[in-house]
Amino acid sequence: MSVRTRTIAFLVSGSGLGALFAWAFAGLPAFGDYRGPYGFLLNTVAVPERHATNVVGAVAFDYRGFDTLGEEFILFTAVTGVVMLLRQGELAADAAKLSRPSSVPGLRMFGALLVAVALLVGAWLAAFGYVTPGGGFQGGVVMASGVVLLYFATSYAVFHPFGKEDVLDPIEGVGAGGYAVIGLAAALSGLPYLTNLFGPGTSGTLVSAGSVPFLNWAAAIEVFAANLVLFSEFLHEYIVPLARGDA
């Protein structure tokens, strides 16, 4: 197929897709106009039933926990596919020895401090995701960003031990599989899959919401490892070879 034919096909299909998007957006309600009763109902029943003061967390990991399981495996599959597309071949064994730290010592120190801050904030978001705004998905992303800061603040050699796939792959599997296993525990108890197995606990504390904390941490672990796998593979295949060539 020639470039001209591909361009025409893209313009035709893109115009149709753009028209559909415009039609869809034109039918959206005004900002702040909420028409459904679902949110009002959950605001009324979530805290008394589940003792989860973050209603969004109760929805994600309890009322529609099965949907969240699907989202976890969508992320797992997407990262696997992207890594396969990025991967071109094995790098030389000495690639991990590459060290190109920032030329500004103060910047390296500030970056190292940000690593600790990001990890702490990410862990807090994950731990309190069903008590205050946050959650496993958000906390996992922030914690992964903290580890990625090691590369930007120091060098690839410092980041490399934390980005090894043979370490991250099992962690990602534990996060995704752990979520499914918690659901199976309910099924083995004779209850519907992902039924909340534990008592509601005390509202506003970490000991609340039943099995939601375990599902929340499973999501955090999976998201944390998946993001690190993706970034590490990108560095392996594209950034490190260029840096070695420039050295």
C-alpha atoms as a PDB file:
ATOM      1  CA  MET A   1       0.000   0.000   0.000  1.00  0.00           C
ATOM      2  CA  SER A   2       1.440   3.348  -1.023  1.00  0.00           C
ATOM      3  CA  VAL A   3       1.904   6.334   1.280  1.00  0.00           C
ATOM      4  CA  ARG A   4      -0.828   8.218  -0.580  1.00  0.00           C
ATOM      5  CA  THR A   5      -3.327   5.365  -0.087  1.00  0.00           C
ATOM      6  CA  ARG A   6      -2.475   5.019   3.609  1.00  0.00           C
ATOM      7  CA  THR A   7      -2.848   8.777   4.083  1.00  0.00           C
ATOM      8  CA  ILE A   8      -6.276   8.808   2.429  1.00  0.00           C
ATOM      9  CA  ALA A   9      -7.409   5.807   4.485  1.00  0.00           C
ATOM     10  CA  PHE A  10      -6.225   7.514   7.673  1.00  0.00           C
ATOM     11  CA  LEU A  11      -7.970  10.786   6.852  1.00  0.00           C
ATOM     12  CA  VAL A  12     -11.251   9.037   6.065  1.00  0.00           C
ATOM     13  CA  SER A  13     -11.220   6.837   9.178  1.00  0.00           C
ATOM     14  CA  GLY A  14      -9.896   9.658  11.361  1.00  0.00           C
ATOM     15  CA  SER A  15     -12.635  12.003  10.184  1.00  0.00           C
ATOM     16  CA  GLY A  16     -15.278   9.406  11.001  1.00  0.00           C
ATOM     17  CA  LEU A  17     -13.801   8.781  14.441  1.00  0.00           C
ATOM     18  CA  GLY A  18     -13.580  12.530  15.092  1.00  0.00           C
ATOM     19  CA  ALA A  19     -17.236  12.969  14.142  1.00  0.00           C
ATOM     20  CA  LEU A  20     -18.246  10.193  16.546  1.00  0.00           C
ATOM     21  CA  PHE A  21     -16.218  11.810  19.343  1.00  0.00           C
ATOM     22  CA  ALA A  22     -17.824  15.196  18.664  1.00  0.00           C
ATOM     23  CA  TRP A  23     -21.280  13.613  18.726  1.00  0.00           C
ATOM     24  CA  ALA A  24     -20.522  11.834  22.000  1.00  0.00           C
ATOM     25  CA  PHE A  25     -19.125  14.933  23.728  1.00  0.00           C
ATOM     26  CA  ALA A  26     -22.039  17.064  22.542  1.00  0.00           C
ATOM     27  CA  GLY A  27     -24.414  14.788  24.445  1.00  0.00           C
ATOM     28  CA  LEU A  28     -22.551  14.945  27.752  1.00  0.00           C
ATOM     29  CA  PRO A  29     -24.298  16.625  30.709  1.00  0.00           C
ATOM     30  CA  ALA A  30     -22.965  19.929  31.991  1.00  0.00           C
ATOM     31  CA  PHE A  31     -20.029  19.928  34.397  1.00  0.00           C
ATOM     32  CA  GLY A  32     -21.218  19.049  37.902  1.00  0.00           C
ATOM     33  CA  ASP A  33     -24.595  17.764  36.686  1.00  0.00           C
ATOM     34  CA  TYR A  34     -24.943  14.325  38.272  1.00  0.00           C
ATOM     35  CA  ARG A  35     -28.052  12.425  37.208  1.00  0.00           C
ATOM     36  CA  GLY A  36     -27.578   8.892  38.577  1.00  0.00           C
ATOM     37  CA  PRO A  37     -28.685   7.606  42.003  1.00  0.00           C
ATOM     38  CA  TYR A  38     -25.726   5.206  42.331  1.00  0.00           C
ATOM     39  CA  GLY A  39     -23.353   7.678  43.970  1.00  0.00           C
ATOM     40  CA  PHE A  40     -25.948   8.962  46.428  1.00  0.00           C
ATOM     41  CA  LEU A  41     -26.821   5.404  47.438  1.00  0.00           C
ATOM     42  CA  LEU A  42     -23.170   4.461  48.010  1.00  0.00           C
ATOM     43  CA  ASN A  43     -22.528   7.602  50.058  1.00  0.00           C
ATOM     44  CA  THR A  44     -25.346   6.458  52.313  1.00  0.00           C
ATOM     45  CA  VAL A  45     -24.520   2.759  52.719  1.00  0.00           C
ATOM     46  CA  ALA A  46     -20.730   2.368  52.212  1.00  0.00           C
ATOM     47  CA  VAL A  47     -19.553   3.525  55.640  1.00  0.00           C
ATOM     48  CA  PRO A  48     -22.205   1.672  57.683  1.00  0.00           C
ATOM     49  CA  GLU A  49     -21.809  -1.540  55.656  1.00  0.00           C
ATOM     50  CA  ARG A  50     -18.063  -1.654  55.021  1.00  0.00           C
ATOM     51  CA  HIS A  51     -16.605   0.909  57.495  1.00  0.00           C
ATOM     52  CA  ALA A  52     -14.527   2.306  54.599  1.00  0.00           C
ATOM     53  CA  THR A  53     -14.531   6.086  54.889  1.00  0.00           C
ATOM     54  CA  ASN A  54     -13.187   6.436  51.337  1.00  0.00           C
ATOM     55  CA  VAL A  55     -16.257   5.422  49.348  1.00  0.00           C
ATOM     56  CA  VAL A  56     -14.238   5.258  46.120  1.00  0.00           C
ATOM     57  CA  GLY A  57     -11.987   2.617  47.693  1.00  0.00           C
ATOM     58  CA  ALA A  58     -15.040   0.652  48.875  1.00  0.00           C
ATOM     59  CA  VAL A  59     -16.472   0.723  45.361  1.00  0.00           C
ATOM     60  CA  ALA A  60     -13.216  -0.293  43.657  1.00  0.00           C
ATOM     61  CA  PHE A  61     -12.309  -3.148  45.996  1.00  0.00           C
ATOM     62  CA  ASP A  62     -15.679  -4.330  47.287  1.00  0.00           C
ATOM     63  CA  TYR A  63     -18.885  -3.342  45.512  1.00  0.00           C
ATOM     64  CA  ARG A  64     -17.253  -3.761  42.106  1.00  0.00           C
ATOM     65  CA  GLY A  65     -14.152  -5.677  43.133  1.00  0.00           C
ATOM     66  CA  PHE A  66     -14.526  -8.147  40.257  1.00  0.00           C
ATOM     67  CA  ASP A  67     -14.236  -5.279  37.745  1.00  0.00           C
ATOM     68  CA  THR A  68     -11.043  -4.134  39.465  1.00  0.00           C
ATOM     69  CA  LEU A  69      -9.646  -7.658  39.115  1.00  0.00           C
ATOM     70  CA  GLY A  70     -10.174  -7.330  35.370  1.00  0.00           C
ATOM     71  CA  GLU A  71      -8.443  -3.946  35.365  1.00  0.00           C
ATOM     72  CA  GLU A  72      -5.443  -5.461  37.144  1.00  0.00           C
ATOM     73  CA  PHE A  73      -5.055  -8.136  34.494  1.00  0.00           C
ATOM     74  CA  ILE A  74      -5.567  -5.580  31.729  1.00  0.00           C
ATOM     75  CA  LEU A  75      -2.545  -3.712  33.122  1.00  0.00           C
ATOM     76  CA  PHE A  76      -0.613  -6.980  33.482  1.00  0.00           C
ATOM     77  CA  THR A  77      -1.335  -7.933  29.859  1.00  0.00           C
ATOM     78  CA  ALA A  78      -0.675  -4.440  28.519  1.00  0.00           C
ATOM     79  CA  VAL A  79       2.751  -4.226  30.187  1.00  0.00           C
ATOM     80  CA  THR A  80       3.641  -7.678  28.879  1.00  0.00           C
ATOM     81  CA  GLY A  81       2.698  -6.639  25.338  1.00  0.00           C
ATOM     82  CA  VAL A  82       4.582  -3.346  25.482  1.00  0.00           C
ATOM     83  CA  VAL A  83       7.706  -5.042  26.849  1.00  0.00           C
ATOM     84  CA  MET A  84       7.599  -7.561  24.011  1.00  0.00           C
ATOM     85  CA  LEU A  85       7.352  -4.727  21.490  1.00  0.00           C
ATOM     86  CA  LEU A  86      10.211  -2.789  23.093  1.00  0.00           C
ATOM     87  CA  ARG A  87      12.530  -5.762  23.393  1.00  0.00           C
ATOM     88  CA  GLN A  88      15.037  -6.035  20.549  1.00  0.00           C
ATOM     89  CA  GLY A  89      17.818  -8.105  22.014  1.00  0.00           C
ATOM     90  CA  GLU A  90      20.115  -8.642  24.959  1.00  0.00           C
ATOM     91  CA  LEU A  91      22.525  -5.914  25.907  1.00  0.00           C
ATOM     92  CA  ALA A  92      26.156  -6.498  26.614  1.00  0.00           C
ATOM     93  CA  ALA A  93      26.896  -7.822  30.076  1.00  0.00           C
ATOM     94  CA  ASP A  94      28.696  -4.633  31.105  1.00  0.00           C
ATOM     95  CA  ALA A  95      25.716  -2.378  30.325  1.00  0.00           C
ATOM     96  CA  ALA A  96      24.805  -2.213  34.010  1.00  0.00           C
ATOM     97  CA  LYS A  97      28.215  -0.694  34.747  1.00  0.00           C
ATOM     98  CA  LEU A  98      27.255   2.484  32.922  1.00  0.00           C
ATOM     99  CA  SER A  99      27.389   5.424  35.285  1.00  0.00           C
ATOM    100  CA  ARG A 100      26.516   8.937  34.195  1.00  0.00           C
ATOM    101  CA  PRO A 101      25.606  10.817  37.373  1.00  0.00           C
ATOM    102  CA  SER A 102      24.387  14.388  37.335  1.00  0.00           C
ATOM    103  CA  SER A 103      27.174  16.952  37.192  1.00  0.00           C
ATOM    104  CA  VAL A 104      25.535  18.977  39.986  1.00  0.00           C
ATOM    105  CA  PRO A 105      26.146  17.403  43.436  1.00  0.00           C
ATOM    106  CA  GLY A 106      23.304  19.395  44.996  1.00  0.00           C
ATOM    107  CA  LEU A 107      20.899  18.040  42.382  1.00  0.00           C
ATOM    108  CA  ARG A 108      21.954  14.475  43.150  1.00  0.00           C
ATOM    109  CA  MET A 109      21.370  15.031  46.869  1.00  0.00           C
ATOM    110  CA  PHE A 110      17.993  16.661  46.263  1.00  0.00           C
ATOM    111  CA  GLY A 111      16.990  13.815  43.941  1.00  0.00           C
ATOM    112  CA  ALA A 112      18.001  11.209  46.507  1.00  0.00           C
ATOM    113  CA  LEU A 113      15.835  12.934  49.111  1.00  0.00           C
ATOM    114  CA  LEU A 114      12.920  12.968  46.674  1.00  0.00           C
ATOM    115  CA  VAL A 115      13.277   9.209  46.269  1.00  0.00           C
ATOM    116  CA  ALA A 116      12.580   8.713  49.975  1.00  0.00           C
ATOM    117  CA  VAL A 117       9.715  11.223  49.910  1.00  0.00           C
ATOM    118  CA  ALA A 118       8.086   9.573  46.896  1.00  0.00           C
ATOM    119  CA  LEU A 119       8.343   6.100  48.424  1.00  0.00           C
ATOM    120  CA  LEU A 120       6.873   7.334  51.706  1.00  0.00           C
ATOM    121  CA  VAL A 121       3.999   9.198  50.035  1.00  0.00           C
ATOM    122  CA  GLY A 122       3.281   6.218  47.768  1.00  0.00           C
ATOM    123  CA  ALA A 123       3.193   3.818  50.708  1.00  0.00           C
ATOM    124  CA  TRP A 124       0.881   6.203  52.572  1.00  0.00           C
ATOM    125  CA  LEU A 125      -1.476   6.476  49.585  1.00  0.00           C
ATOM    126  CA  ALA A 126      -1.615   2.696  49.308  1.00  0.00           C
ATOM    127  CA  ALA A 127      -1.963   1.996  53.028  1.00  0.00           C
ATOM    128  CA  PHE A 128      -4.740   4.540  53.629  1.00  0.00           C
ATOM    129  CA  GLY A 129      -6.466   4.108  50.277  1.00  0.00           C
ATOM    130  CA  TYR A 130      -9.752   2.974  51.837  1.00  0.00           C
ATOM    131  CA  VAL A 131      -9.634   5.557  54.663  1.00  0.00           C
ATOM    132  CA  THR A 132      -8.627   8.763  52.859  1.00  0.00           C
ATOM    133  CA  PRO A 133      -8.272   9.687  49.156  1.00  0.00           C
ATOM    134  CA  GLY A 134      -5.739   7.403  47.488  1.00  0.00           C
ATOM    135  CA  GLY A 135      -5.552   3.687  46.833  1.00  0.00           C
ATOM    136  CA  GLY A 136      -3.402   0.834  45.618  1.00  0.00           C
ATOM    137  CA  PHE A 137      -3.253   1.991  42.015  1.00  0.00           C
ATOM    138  CA  GLN A 138      -2.223   5.546  42.918  1.00  0.00           C
ATOM    139  CA  GLY A 139       0.220   4.427  45.604  1.00  0.00           C
ATOM    140  CA  GLY A 140       1.834   1.873  43.295  1.00  0.00           C
ATOM    141  CA  VAL A 141       2.461   4.493  40.616  1.00  0.00           C
ATOM    142  CA  VAL A 142       3.972   6.952  43.097  1.00  0.00           C
ATOM    143  CA  MET A 143       6.255   4.316  44.644  1.00  0.00           C
ATOM    144  CA  ALA A 144       7.446   3.228  41.201  1.00  0.00           C
ATOM    145  CA  SER A 145       8.136   6.874  40.344  1.00  0.00           C
ATOM    146  CA  GLY A 146      10.275   7.118  43.457  1.00  0.00           C
ATOM    147  CA  VAL A 147      12.473   4.250  42.300  1.00  0.00           C
ATOM    148  CA  VAL A 148      12.686   5.731  38.788  1.00  0.00           C
ATOM    149  CA  LEU A 149      14.029   8.942  40.354  1.00  0.00           C
ATOM    150  CA  LEU A 150      17.181   6.978  41.191  1.00  0.00           C
ATOM    151  CA  TYR A 151      18.035   6.938  37.492  1.00  0.00           C
ATOM    152  CA  PHE A 152      17.410  10.662  36.945  1.00  0.00           C
ATOM    153  CA  ALA A 153      19.129  11.765  40.154  1.00  0.00           C
ATOM    154  CA  THR A 154      22.124   9.409  40.027  1.00  0.00           C
ATOM    155  CA  SER A 155      22.849   6.938  37.227  1.00  0.00           C
ATOM    156  CA  TYR A 156      21.719   3.794  35.483  1.00  0.00           C
ATOM    157  CA  ALA A 157      24.172   1.764  37.545  1.00  0.00           C
ATOM    158  CA  VAL A 158      22.368   2.798  40.729  1.00  0.00           C
ATOM    159  CA  PHE A 159      18.914   2.133  39.277  1.00  0.00           C
ATOM    160  CA  HIS A 160      19.769  -1.195  37.627  1.00  0.00           C
ATOM    161  CA  PRO A 161      19.548  -3.479  40.728  1.00  0.00           C
ATOM    162  CA  PHE A 162      15.984  -2.241  41.344  1.00  0.00           C
ATOM    163  CA  GLY A 163      14.880  -2.757  37.744  1.00  0.00           C
ATOM    164  CA  LYS A 164      15.815  -6.390  37.170  1.00  0.00           C
ATOM    165  CA  GLU A 165      12.992  -8.270  35.505  1.00  0.00           C
ATOM    166  CA  ASP A 166      13.822 -11.574  37.205  1.00  0.00           C
ATOM    167  CA  VAL A 167      13.018  -9.815  40.496  1.00  0.00           C
ATOM    168  CA  LEU A 168      10.113  -7.640  39.348  1.00  0.00           C
ATOM    169  CA  ASP A 169       8.232 -10.293  37.369  1.00  0.00           C
ATOM    170  CA  PRO A 170       7.514 -12.498  40.429  1.00  0.00           C
ATOM    171  CA  ILE A 171       6.490  -9.410  42.417  1.00  0.00           C
ATOM    172  CA  GLU A 172       4.072  -8.377  39.677  1.00  0.00           C
ATOM    173  CA  GLY A 173       2.702 -11.909  39.581  1.00  0.00           C
ATOM    174  CA  VAL A 174       2.204 -11.931  43.357  1.00  0.00           C
ATOM    175  CA  GLY A 175       0.224  -8.683  43.148  1.00  0.00           C
ATOM    176  CA  ALA A 176      -2.051  -9.793  40.312  1.00  0.00           C
ATOM    177  CA  GLY A 177      -2.362 -13.376  41.526  1.00  0.00           C
ATOM    178  CA  GLY A 178      -2.827 -12.351  45.143  1.00  0.00           C
ATOM    179  CA  TYR A 179      -5.941 -10.387  44.238  1.00  0.00           C
ATOM    180  CA  ALA A 180      -7.397 -13.457  42.508  1.00  0.00           C
ATOM    181  CA  VAL A 181      -6.459 -15.751  45.400  1.00  0.00           C
ATOM    182  CA  ILE A 182      -8.270 -13.547  47.916  1.00  0.00           C
ATOM    183  CA  GLY A 183     -11.380 -13.935  45.783  1.00  0.00           C
ATOM    184  CA  LEU A 184     -10.878 -17.705  45.677  1.00  0.00           C
ATOM    185  CA  ALA A 185     -10.684 -17.793  49.466  1.00  0.00           C
ATOM    186  CA  ALA A 186     -14.248 -16.514  49.573  1.00  0.00           C
ATOM    187  CA  ALA A 187     -15.359 -19.060  46.974  1.00  0.00           C
ATOM    188  CA  LEU A 188     -13.752 -21.910  48.938  1.00  0.00           C
ATOM    189  CA  SER A 189     -15.692 -20.729  51.978  1.00  0.00           C
ATOM    190  CA  GLY A 190     -18.927 -21.253  50.073  1.00  0.00           C
ATOM    191  CA  LEU A 191     -19.508 -17.554  49.395  1.00  0.00           C
ATOM    192  CA  PRO A 192     -19.662 -15.642  46.099  1.00  0.00           C
ATOM    193  CA  TYR A 193     -16.282 -14.794  44.595  1.00  0.00           C
ATOM    194  CA  LEU A 194     -14.561 -11.790  46.247  1.00  0.00           C
ATOM    195  CA  THR A 195     -17.127 -11.591  49.046  1.00  0.00           C
ATOM    196  CA  ASN A 196     -15.776  -9.504  51.919  1.00  0.00           C
ATOM    197  CA  LEU A 197     -14.613 -12.201  54.349  1.00  0.00           C
ATOM    198  CA  PHE A 198     -13.535 -10.228  57.399  1.00  0.00           C
ATOM    199  CA  GLY A 199     -15.348  -8.084  59.898  1.00  0.00           C
ATOM    200  CA  PRO A 200     -15.785  -4.381  59.097  1.00  0.00           C
ATOM    201  CA  GLY A 201     -13.446  -3.228  61.876  1.00  0.00           C
ATOM    202  CA  THR A 202     -13.258   0.351  63.116  1.00  0.00           C
ATOM    203  CA  SER A 203     -14.105   3.138  60.661  1.00  0.00           C
ATOM    204  CA  GLY A 204     -11.355   5.638  59.935  1.00  0.00           C
ATOM    205  CA  THR A 205      -8.507   3.273  60.857  1.00  0.00           C
ATOM    206  CA  LEU A 206      -6.277   0.832  59.005  1.00  0.00           C
ATOM    207  CA  VAL A 207      -8.163  -1.990  60.716  1.00  0.00           C
ATOM    208  CA  SER A 208     -11.374  -1.478  58.784  1.00  0.00           C
ATOM    209  CA  ALA A 209     -13.191  -2.409  55.565  1.00  0.00           C
ATOM    210  CA  GLY A 210     -12.709  -6.177  55.975  1.00  0.00           C
ATOM    211  CA  SER A 211     -10.722  -7.724  53.127  1.00  0.00           C
ATOM    212  CA  VAL A 212     -10.441  -4.421  51.227  1.00  0.00           C
ATOM    213  CA  PRO A 213      -6.955  -3.646  52.676  1.00  0.00           C
ATOM    214  CA  PHE A 214      -5.555  -6.909  51.290  1.00  0.00           C
ATOM    215  CA  LEU A 215      -7.027  -6.291  47.839  1.00  0.00           C
ATOM    216  CA  ASN A 216      -5.770  -2.714  47.996  1.00  0.00           C
ATOM    217  CA  TRP A 217      -2.189  -3.818  48.719  1.00  0.00           C
ATOM    218  CA  ALA A 218      -2.343  -6.516  46.039  1.00  0.00           C
ATOM    219  CA  ALA A 219      -3.208  -3.806  43.515  1.00  0.00           C
ATOM    220  CA  ALA A 220      -0.407  -1.568  44.825  1.00  0.00           C
ATOM    221  CA  ILE A 221       2.196  -4.331  44.460  1.00  0.00           C
ATOM    222  CA  GLU A 222       1.081  -5.193  40.928  1.00  0.00           C
ATOM    223  CA  VAL A 223       1.011  -1.579  39.732  1.00  0.00           C
ATOM    224  CA  PHE A 224       4.375  -0.818  41.374  1.00  0.00           C
ATOM    225  CA  ALA A 225       6.140  -3.763  39.715  1.00  0.00           C
ATOM    226  CA  ALA A 226       4.407  -3.312  36.340  1.00  0.00           C
ATOM    227  CA  ASN A 227       5.507   0.314  36.023  1.00  0.00           C
ATOM    228  CA  LEU A 228       9.073  -0.513  37.005  1.00  0.00           C
ATOM    229  CA  VAL A 229       9.219  -3.376  34.487  1.00  0.00           C
ATOM    230  CA  LEU A 230       8.039  -1.039  31.742  1.00  0.00           C
ATOM    231  CA  PHE A 231      10.507   1.736  32.541  1.00  0.00           C
ATOM    232  CA  SER A 232      13.396  -0.665  33.057  1.00  0.00           C
ATOM    233  CA  GLU A 233      12.821  -2.310  29.685  1.00  0.00           C
ATOM    234  CA  PHE A 234      12.692   1.076  27.986  1.00  0.00           C
ATOM    235  CA  LEU A 235      16.036   2.001  29.536  1.00  0.00           C
ATOM    236  CA  HIS A 236      17.580  -1.353  28.589  1.00  0.00           C
ATOM    237  CA  GLU A 237      16.574  -1.148  24.953  1.00  0.00           C
ATOM    238  CA  TYR A 238      16.811   2.535  24.068  1.00  0.00           C
ATOM    239  CA  ILE A 239      18.526   4.786  26.594  1.00  0.00           C
ATOM    240  CA  VAL A 240      21.444   2.638  27.793  1.00  0.00           C
ATOM    241  CA  PRO A 241      22.735   1.666  24.323  1.00  0.00           C
ATOM    242  CA  LEU A 242      22.759   5.320  23.275  1.00  0.00           C
ATOM    243  CA  ALA A 243      24.550   6.375  26.438  1.00  0.00           C
ATOM    244  CA  ARG A 244      27.191   3.684  25.997  1.00  0.00           C
ATOM    245  CA  GLY A 245      27.757   4.854  22.455  1.00  0.00           C
ATOM    246  CA  ASP A 246      28.178   8.449  23.577  1.00  0.00           C
ATOM    247  CA  ALA A 247      30.583   7.590  26.380  1.00  0.00           C
END
